[in-house]
């Protein structure tokens, strides 16, 4: 049942052109509806987001 609902919504989003190909998406449920959205931070994006290092931390590595 969940798989069918997910595929139905995914298909609708593809047809509507609202999904960006090659970009990460988070699948969530709000008010009982499946929604696709962009990741908010690096944790939702598989942790691949680069972190800013402080100047002191980068100087220590030199």
N, C-alpha and C. Protein backbone atom coordinates (compact mmCIF):
# COMPACT_ATOMS: atom_id res chain seq x y z
N UNK A 1 0.82 -1.20 0.00
CA UNK A 1 0.00 0.00 0.00
C UNK A 1 0.87 1.26 0.00
N UNK A 2 1.87 1.33 0.87
CA UNK A 2 2.74 2.50 0.93
C UNK A 2 3.52 2.64 -0.36
N UNK A 3 4.01 1.52 -0.90
CA UNK A 3 4.78 1.56 -2.14
C UNK A 3 3.94 2.14 -3.28
N UNK A 4 2.69 1.74 -3.39
CA UNK A 4 1.82 2.24 -4.45
C UNK A 4 1.60 3.75 -4.29
N UNK A 5 1.34 4.19 -3.07
CA UNK A 5 1.13 5.62 -2.83
C UNK A 5 2.39 6.42 -3.17
N UNK A 6 3.53 5.88 -2.78
CA UNK A 6 4.80 6.55 -3.04
C UNK A 6 5.06 6.66 -4.54
N UNK A 7 4.86 5.56 -5.26
CA UNK A 7 5.08 5.57 -6.71
C UNK A 7 4.08 6.48 -7.42
N UNK A 8 2.85 6.51 -6.95
CA UNK A 8 1.84 7.40 -7.56
C UNK A 8 2.26 8.86 -7.41
N UNK A 9 2.68 9.24 -6.20
CA UNK A 9 3.09 10.63 -5.97
C UNK A 9 4.37 10.96 -6.73
N UNK A 10 5.31 10.02 -6.76
CA UNK A 10 6.55 10.19 -7.50
C UNK A 10 6.25 10.43 -8.98
N UNK A 11 5.35 9.64 -9.53
CA UNK A 11 4.96 9.78 -10.94
C UNK A 11 4.34 11.15 -11.21
N UNK A 12 3.48 11.59 -10.31
CA UNK A 12 2.84 12.91 -10.46
C UNK A 12 3.89 14.02 -10.47
N UNK A 13 4.89 13.91 -9.58
CA UNK A 13 5.93 14.93 -9.49
C UNK A 13 6.79 14.95 -10.76
N UNK A 14 7.08 13.78 -11.30
CA UNK A 14 7.86 13.71 -12.55
C UNK A 14 7.09 14.35 -13.69
N UNK A 15 5.83 14.00 -13.82
CA UNK A 15 5.00 14.55 -14.90
C UNK A 15 4.87 16.08 -14.76
N UNK A 16 4.74 16.55 -13.52
CA UNK A 16 4.60 17.99 -13.29
C UNK A 16 5.92 18.73 -13.47
N UNK A 17 7.04 17.98 -13.49
CA UNK A 17 8.34 18.61 -13.67
C UNK A 17 8.87 19.30 -12.43
N UNK A 18 8.40 18.88 -11.26
CA UNK A 18 8.82 19.54 -10.03
C UNK A 18 10.04 18.89 -9.37
N UNK A 19 10.47 17.75 -9.85
CA UNK A 19 11.66 17.10 -9.30
C UNK A 19 12.86 17.42 -10.17
N UNK A 20 14.00 17.70 -9.53
CA UNK A 20 15.23 17.97 -10.25
C UNK A 20 16.01 16.66 -10.39
N UNK A 21 16.31 16.29 -11.61
CA UNK A 21 17.05 15.05 -11.85
C UNK A 21 18.46 15.17 -11.30
N UNK A 22 18.94 14.13 -10.66
CA UNK A 22 20.29 14.10 -10.13
C UNK A 22 20.45 14.80 -8.79
N UNK A 23 19.39 15.36 -8.25
CA UNK A 23 19.44 16.06 -6.96
C UNK A 23 18.82 15.17 -5.89
N UNK A 24 19.34 15.27 -4.68
CA UNK A 24 18.79 14.52 -3.55
C UNK A 24 17.41 15.04 -3.20
N UNK A 25 16.56 14.14 -2.79
CA UNK A 25 15.22 14.49 -2.34
C UNK A 25 14.95 13.78 -1.03
N UNK A 26 14.17 14.40 -0.18
CA UNK A 26 13.71 13.78 1.04
C UNK A 26 12.23 13.48 0.84
N UNK A 27 11.86 12.26 1.15
CA UNK A 27 10.45 11.87 1.06
C UNK A 27 9.91 11.92 2.48
N UNK A 28 8.83 12.68 2.66
CA UNK A 28 8.28 12.91 3.98
C UNK A 28 6.77 12.77 3.92
N UNK A 29 6.15 12.76 5.08
CA UNK A 29 4.69 12.70 5.15
C UNK A 29 4.23 13.86 6.03
N UNK A 30 3.34 14.69 5.48
CA UNK A 30 2.72 15.79 6.22
C UNK A 30 1.22 15.69 6.05
N UNK A 31 0.52 15.71 7.16
CA UNK A 31 -0.95 15.62 7.15
C UNK A 31 -1.43 14.42 6.34
N UNK A 32 -0.70 13.31 6.43
CA UNK A 32 -1.11 12.09 5.75
C UNK A 32 -0.83 12.06 4.26
N UNK A 33 -0.10 13.06 3.75
CA UNK A 33 0.23 13.11 2.32
C UNK A 33 1.73 12.97 2.14
N UNK A 34 2.14 12.22 1.11
CA UNK A 34 3.54 12.06 0.79
C UNK A 34 4.01 13.31 0.05
N UNK A 35 5.14 13.86 0.52
CA UNK A 35 5.70 15.04 -0.13
C UNK A 35 7.19 14.82 -0.40
N UNK A 36 7.68 15.42 -1.45
CA UNK A 36 9.09 15.40 -1.80
C UNK A 36 9.62 16.80 -1.56
N UNK A 37 10.82 16.88 -0.95
CA UNK A 37 11.41 18.18 -0.69
C UNK A 37 12.92 18.07 -0.74
N UNK A 38 13.58 19.22 -0.81
CA UNK A 38 15.03 19.27 -0.81
C UNK A 38 15.53 19.03 0.61
N UNK A 39 16.70 18.42 0.76
CA UNK A 39 17.26 18.24 2.10
C UNK A 39 17.52 19.58 2.79
N UNK A 40 17.29 19.63 4.07
CA UNK A 40 17.49 20.87 4.82
C UNK A 40 18.96 21.05 5.18
N UNK A 41 19.64 19.98 5.58
CA UNK A 41 21.04 20.09 5.96
C UNK A 41 21.80 18.84 5.52
N UNK A 42 23.08 18.78 5.85
CA UNK A 42 23.94 17.69 5.43
C UNK A 42 23.52 16.33 5.95
N UNK A 43 22.89 16.28 7.12
CA UNK A 43 22.49 14.99 7.68
C UNK A 43 21.45 14.31 6.80
N UNK A 44 20.55 15.07 6.21
CA UNK A 44 19.53 14.50 5.34
C UNK A 44 20.07 14.21 3.95
N UNK A 45 21.24 14.73 3.66
CA UNK A 45 21.83 14.56 2.34
C UNK A 45 22.95 13.52 2.38
N UNK A 46 22.85 12.57 3.28
CA UNK A 46 23.85 11.52 3.39
C UNK A 46 25.15 11.97 4.03
N UNK A 47 25.14 13.16 4.63
CA UNK A 47 26.32 13.66 5.31
C UNK A 47 27.44 14.06 4.37
N UNK A 48 27.14 14.32 3.10
CA UNK A 48 28.17 14.64 2.13
C UNK A 48 28.46 16.13 2.06
N UNK A 49 27.74 16.93 2.77
CA UNK A 49 27.92 18.37 2.74
C UNK A 49 29.25 18.73 3.40
N UNK A 50 30.01 19.59 2.76
CA UNK A 50 31.30 20.01 3.30
C UNK A 50 31.08 20.95 4.47
N UNK A 51 31.87 20.77 5.49
CA UNK A 51 31.78 21.64 6.66
C UNK A 51 32.86 22.71 6.58
N UNK A 52 32.52 23.90 7.03
CA UNK A 52 33.50 24.98 7.08
C UNK A 52 34.42 24.74 8.27
N UNK A 53 35.70 24.84 8.02
CA UNK A 53 36.66 24.70 9.11
C UNK A 53 37.09 26.09 9.56
N UNK A 54 37.36 26.18 10.84
CA UNK A 54 37.83 27.47 11.34
C UNK A 54 39.24 27.72 10.81
N UNK A 55 39.64 28.98 10.82
CA UNK A 55 40.97 29.35 10.33
C UNK A 55 42.05 28.65 11.15
N UNK A 56 41.84 28.57 12.46
CA UNK A 56 42.83 27.94 13.34
C UNK A 56 42.98 26.46 13.00
N UNK A 57 41.90 25.78 12.71
CA UNK A 57 41.94 24.35 12.42
C UNK A 57 42.70 24.11 11.11
N UNK A 58 42.52 24.97 10.12
CA UNK A 58 43.23 24.78 8.85
C UNK A 58 44.69 25.15 8.96
N UNK A 59 45.04 26.12 9.84
CA UNK A 59 46.42 26.50 10.03
C UNK A 59 47.21 25.41 10.72
N UNK A 60 46.54 24.66 11.62
CA UNK A 60 47.20 23.57 12.33
C UNK A 60 47.65 22.47 11.38
N UNK A 61 46.96 22.28 10.28
CA UNK A 61 47.28 21.22 9.34
C UNK A 61 48.41 21.60 8.40
N UNK A 62 48.77 22.88 8.33
CA UNK A 62 49.81 23.36 7.41
C UNK A 62 51.19 22.92 7.83
